[in-house]
Amino acid sequence: LITPGGASYGALILQNERHVRVGLAEKLAVFRAAKLPVIFVGTVPEGESGYADHERRSQRIRELLQGAQSVPSVSDAVAELGKVVQPNLHFSNASVPFIEKRLGSVDAFFPTQP
């Protein structure tokens, strides 16, 4: 997954998103078909977030995301990621929260507040 700004991601995690727009579900289906790991924490989206033509759009979302599985927690999502994506950074002791940003050909790591 590469954003318009050039950032690249090896996986996508959505947490507790019960309702999404059909357009997002279509993108998620394309990502899944392209073998990008898409991990749902808590629940797989099951319906349209808007009101217009809600039932038809909700059915389309269920069709697009058919077969998708969810994991119960973020730690389970991280464990799933470990099966398919190699981390860029390892900690030998306690972990430090950080944001990773690719700047050209450089991987930059910015520590954050817990």
Protein backbone atom coordinates (compact mmCIF):
# COMPACT_ATOMS: atom_id res chain seq x y z
CA LEU A 1 0.00 0.00 0.00
CA ILE A 2 1.53 3.33 -1.08
CA THR A 3 -0.19 6.58 -0.19
CA PRO A 4 -0.39 9.59 -2.54
CA GLY A 5 2.33 11.17 -0.38
CA GLY A 6 4.66 8.23 -1.01
CA ALA A 7 4.45 6.46 2.39
CA SER A 8 4.35 2.68 2.06
CA TYR A 9 2.76 0.14 4.39
CA GLY A 10 3.14 -3.62 4.53
CA ALA A 11 -0.23 -4.16 6.24
CA LEU A 12 -3.44 -2.40 7.22
CA ILE A 13 -5.19 -2.71 10.60
CA LEU A 14 -8.73 -1.50 11.27
CA GLN A 15 -9.94 -1.50 14.86
CA ASN A 16 -13.63 -1.86 15.80
CA GLU A 17 -14.99 -0.48 12.53
CA ARG A 18 -18.49 -1.98 12.40
CA HIS A 19 -19.66 0.38 9.65
CA VAL A 20 -17.72 1.75 6.67
CA ARG A 21 -18.57 3.30 3.32
CA VAL A 22 -18.91 1.00 0.30
CA GLY A 23 -15.97 2.78 -1.36
CA LEU A 24 -13.69 1.83 1.54
CA ALA A 25 -14.92 -1.78 1.49
CA GLU A 26 -14.14 -1.90 -2.25
CA LYS A 27 -10.58 -0.66 -1.59
CA LEU A 28 -10.14 -3.17 1.24
CA ALA A 29 -11.27 -5.96 -1.09
CA VAL A 30 -8.71 -4.84 -3.70
CA PHE A 31 -5.96 -4.77 -1.03
CA ARG A 32 -6.91 -8.24 0.19
CA ALA A 33 -6.95 -9.60 -3.38
CA ALA A 34 -3.46 -8.13 -3.87
CA LYS A 35 -2.34 -10.08 -0.76
CA LEU A 36 -1.86 -7.00 1.44
CA PRO A 37 -2.55 -8.17 5.00
CA VAL A 38 -5.75 -6.46 6.18
CA ILE A 39 -6.38 -7.23 9.83
CA PHE A 40 -9.64 -6.39 11.56
CA VAL A 41 -9.48 -5.99 15.34
CA GLY A 42 -12.73 -6.62 17.18
CA THR A 43 -15.07 -6.99 14.22
CA VAL A 44 -15.17 -7.08 10.44
CA PRO A 45 -17.23 -4.20 9.03
CA GLU A 46 -20.77 -5.40 8.46
CA GLY A 47 -22.65 -2.41 7.16
CA GLU A 48 -22.76 0.97 5.47
CA SER A 49 -22.04 4.00 7.64
CA GLY A 50 -24.38 6.25 5.65
CA TYR A 51 -28.17 6.26 5.49
CA ALA A 52 -28.77 6.47 1.73
CA ASP A 53 -29.66 3.04 0.33
CA HIS A 54 -28.38 1.53 3.58
CA GLU A 55 -29.55 -2.09 3.16
CA ARG A 56 -28.26 -2.52 -0.40
CA ARG A 57 -24.93 -0.94 0.43
CA SER A 58 -24.60 -2.98 3.64
CA GLN A 59 -25.19 -6.18 1.67
CA ARG A 60 -22.49 -5.12 -0.81
CA ILE A 61 -20.04 -4.54 2.06
CA ARG A 62 -20.76 -8.02 3.45
CA GLU A 63 -20.13 -9.50 -0.01
CA LEU A 64 -16.88 -7.59 -0.48
CA LEU A 65 -15.51 -8.60 2.92
CA GLN A 66 -16.78 -12.18 2.87
CA GLY A 67 -14.22 -14.53 4.38
CA ALA A 68 -12.41 -11.78 6.28
CA GLN A 69 -11.61 -12.69 9.87
CA SER A 70 -11.14 -10.54 12.94
CA VAL A 71 -8.85 -10.89 15.94
CA PRO A 72 -9.94 -9.95 19.46
CA SER A 73 -7.16 -7.51 20.37
CA VAL A 74 -4.36 -5.33 19.06
CA SER A 75 -1.80 -7.71 20.54
CA ASP A 76 -3.39 -10.51 18.52
CA ALA A 77 -3.17 -8.29 15.43
CA VAL A 78 0.54 -7.77 16.07
CA ALA A 79 0.98 -11.53 16.39
CA GLU A 80 -0.81 -12.01 13.06
CA LEU A 81 1.42 -9.38 11.46
CA GLY A 82 4.48 -11.23 12.68
CA LYS A 83 3.45 -14.15 10.47
CA VAL A 84 3.43 -12.11 7.25
CA VAL A 85 5.45 -8.89 7.71
CA GLN A 86 9.02 -8.58 8.94
CA PRO A 87 9.48 -5.73 11.45
CA ASN A 88 11.99 -2.98 10.74
CA LEU A 89 12.91 -2.58 14.41
CA HIS A 90 13.33 -5.04 17.31
CA PHE A 91 13.57 -4.34 21.04
CA SER A 92 15.51 -6.69 23.32
CA ASN A 93 13.84 -5.37 26.49
CA ALA A 94 10.75 -3.23 27.08
CA SER A 95 9.35 -1.71 23.91
CA VAL A 96 9.17 2.02 23.26
CA PRO A 97 6.20 3.46 21.37
CA PHE A 98 7.30 5.10 18.13
CA ILE A 99 6.20 6.25 14.72
CA GLU A 100 8.14 5.03 11.70
CA LYS A 101 8.32 7.27 8.65
CA ARG A 102 10.10 6.64 5.36
CA LEU A 103 11.83 9.80 4.17
CA GLY A 104 13.10 9.09 0.68
CA SER A 105 15.32 6.05 1.15
CA VAL A 106 15.71 6.56 4.93
CA ASP A 107 13.61 4.89 7.63
CA ALA A 108 13.16 7.37 10.49
CA PHE A 109 11.89 6.33 13.93
CA PHE A 110 10.28 8.93 16.20
CA PRO A 111 9.69 7.99 19.87
CA THR A 112 6.24 8.95 21.15
CA GLN A 113 4.60 9.36 24.53
CA PRO A 114 2.92 6.16 25.78
